[in-house]
Amino acid sequence: MKITPVEPDHRIQLPADWVAELGLEHIAALEKTEEGILVRPCRMATWEEIFADKLPMGQRPSALDLSDVSGDDLLF
């Protein structure tokens, strides 16, 4: 077990060997448990991975009904 101070803004500094061993170079996932806090590696995703499972478009484009919209509705 290693002990580290909680710095201003609630920061902690993890030992460098732990960071390298766990692969925490960029971002980490924190999980609050009854026993304390778990720090886990969190892999950064690319935009291609994020949008890989896009919702499919409808079979036909939906028509926008503007019959109830006036010019006043467009004012902010």
C-alpha atoms as a PDB file:
ATOM      1  CA  MET A   1       0.000   0.000   0.000  1.00  0.00           C
ATOM      2  CA  LYS A   2       1.206   3.485  -0.867  1.00  0.00           C
ATOM      3  CA  ILE A   3      -0.077   6.712   0.671  1.00  0.00           C
ATOM      4  CA  THR A   4      -0.405   9.978  -1.262  1.00  0.00           C
ATOM      5  CA  PRO A   5      -1.744  13.375  -0.185  1.00  0.00           C
ATOM      6  CA  VAL A   6      -4.943  14.850  -1.564  1.00  0.00           C
ATOM      7  CA  GLU A   7      -3.792  18.094  -3.176  1.00  0.00           C
ATOM      8  CA  PRO A   8      -5.816  21.277  -3.774  1.00  0.00           C
ATOM      9  CA  ASP A   9      -8.720  20.751  -6.189  1.00  0.00           C
ATOM     10  CA  HIS A  10      -9.021  17.150  -4.846  1.00  0.00           C
ATOM     11  CA  ARG A  11      -6.103  15.835  -6.913  1.00  0.00           C
ATOM     12  CA  ILE A  12      -4.036  12.794  -6.128  1.00  0.00           C
ATOM     13  CA  GLN A  13      -0.808  11.739  -7.804  1.00  0.00           C
ATOM     14  CA  LEU A  14      -0.516   8.051  -8.572  1.00  0.00           C
ATOM     15  CA  PRO A  15       2.887   6.370  -8.448  1.00  0.00           C
ATOM     16  CA  ALA A  16       4.486   6.422 -11.918  1.00  0.00           C
ATOM     17  CA  ASP A  17       5.058   2.670 -11.961  1.00  0.00           C
ATOM     18  CA  TRP A  18       1.345   2.054 -11.275  1.00  0.00           C
ATOM     19  CA  VAL A  19       0.330   4.403 -14.087  1.00  0.00           C
ATOM     20  CA  ALA A  20       2.567   2.616 -16.574  1.00  0.00           C
ATOM     21  CA  GLU A  21       1.559  -0.850 -15.366  1.00  0.00           C
ATOM     22  CA  LEU A  22      -2.187  -0.123 -15.527  1.00  0.00           C
ATOM     23  CA  GLY A  23      -2.116   1.903 -18.748  1.00  0.00           C
ATOM     24  CA  LEU A  24      -3.523   5.099 -17.204  1.00  0.00           C
ATOM     25  CA  GLU A  25      -1.608   7.490 -19.469  1.00  0.00           C
ATOM     26  CA  HIS A  26      -4.574   9.513 -20.764  1.00  0.00           C
ATOM     27  CA  ILE A  27      -7.796   9.094 -18.804  1.00  0.00           C
ATOM     28  CA  ALA A  28      -9.080   6.848 -16.036  1.00  0.00           C
ATOM     29  CA  ALA A  29     -12.497   5.613 -14.991  1.00  0.00           C
ATOM     30  CA  LEU A  30     -13.381   6.157 -11.316  1.00  0.00           C
ATOM     31  CA  GLU A  31     -15.899   4.010  -9.491  1.00  0.00           C
ATOM     32  CA  LYS A  32     -17.119   4.767  -5.970  1.00  0.00           C
ATOM     33  CA  THR A  33     -17.617   1.655  -3.844  1.00  0.00           C
ATOM     34  CA  GLU A  34     -18.392   1.018  -0.182  1.00  0.00           C
ATOM     35  CA  GLU A  35     -14.710   0.252   0.375  1.00  0.00           C
ATOM     36  CA  GLY A  36     -13.340   3.327  -1.433  1.00  0.00           C
ATOM     37  CA  ILE A  37     -12.548   4.385  -4.981  1.00  0.00           C
ATOM     38  CA  LEU A  38     -11.537   2.084  -7.832  1.00  0.00           C
ATOM     39  CA  VAL A  39      -9.314   3.586 -10.533  1.00  0.00           C
ATOM     40  CA  ARG A  40      -9.462   1.717 -13.834  1.00  0.00           C
ATOM     41  CA  PRO A  41      -7.935   2.336 -17.239  1.00  0.00           C
ATOM     42  CA  CYS A  42     -10.336   3.952 -19.686  1.00  0.00           C
ATOM     43  CA  ARG A  43      -9.344   3.688 -23.309  1.00  0.00           C
ATOM     44  CA  MET A  44      -9.866   6.774 -25.450  1.00  0.00           C
ATOM     45  CA  ALA A  45     -12.247   6.153 -28.346  1.00  0.00           C
ATOM     46  CA  THR A  46     -11.935   7.612 -31.829  1.00  0.00           C
ATOM     47  CA  TRP A  47     -14.833   9.422 -33.498  1.00  0.00           C
ATOM     48  CA  GLU A  48     -15.118   6.505 -35.935  1.00  0.00           C
ATOM     49  CA  GLU A  49     -15.659   4.126 -33.010  1.00  0.00           C
ATOM     50  CA  ILE A  50     -18.151   6.455 -31.343  1.00  0.00           C
ATOM     51  CA  PHE A  51     -20.272   6.809 -34.476  1.00  0.00           C
ATOM     52  CA  ALA A  52     -19.838   3.193 -35.659  1.00  0.00           C
ATOM     53  CA  ASP A  53     -23.286   2.241 -34.325  1.00  0.00           C
ATOM     54  CA  LYS A  54     -25.300   5.177 -35.623  1.00  0.00           C
ATOM     55  CA  LEU A  55     -29.058   4.932 -35.550  1.00  0.00           C
ATOM     56  CA  PRO A  56     -30.375   3.964 -38.974  1.00  0.00           C
ATOM     57  CA  MET A  57     -32.269   6.524 -40.980  1.00  0.00           C
ATOM     58  CA  GLY A  58     -35.936   5.938 -41.691  1.00  0.00           C
ATOM     59  CA  GLN A  59     -37.034   4.274 -44.903  1.00  0.00           C
ATOM     60  CA  ARG A  60     -38.160   7.579 -46.324  1.00  0.00           C
ATOM     61  CA  PRO A  61     -37.313  11.103 -45.328  1.00  0.00           C
ATOM     62  CA  SER A  62     -39.859  12.614 -42.992  1.00  0.00           C
ATOM     63  CA  ALA A  63     -41.602  15.698 -44.304  1.00  0.00           C
ATOM     64  CA  LEU A  64     -41.468  18.695 -41.993  1.00  0.00           C
ATOM     65  CA  ASP A  65     -44.933  20.179 -41.480  1.00  0.00           C
ATOM     66  CA  LEU A  66     -44.534  23.965 -41.365  1.00  0.00           C
ATOM     67  CA  SER A  67     -48.247  24.779 -41.622  1.00  0.00           C
ATOM     68  CA  ASP A  68     -48.457  25.871 -37.950  1.00  0.00           C
ATOM     69  CA  VAL A  69     -45.195  27.855 -37.970  1.00  0.00           C
ATOM     70  CA  SER A  70     -45.255  31.608 -38.418  1.00  0.00           C
ATOM     71  CA  GLY A  71     -42.405  34.085 -38.757  1.00  0.00           C
ATOM     72  CA  ASP A  72     -42.807  34.945 -35.073  1.00  0.00           C
ATOM     73  CA  ASP A  73     -41.941  31.379 -34.119  1.00  0.00           C
ATOM     74  CA  LEU A  74     -38.474  31.853 -35.569  1.00  0.00           C
ATOM     75  CA  LEU A  75     -37.613  34.809 -33.328  1.00  0.00           C
ATOM     76  CA  PHE A  76     -35.408  34.163 -30.335  1.00  0.00           C
END
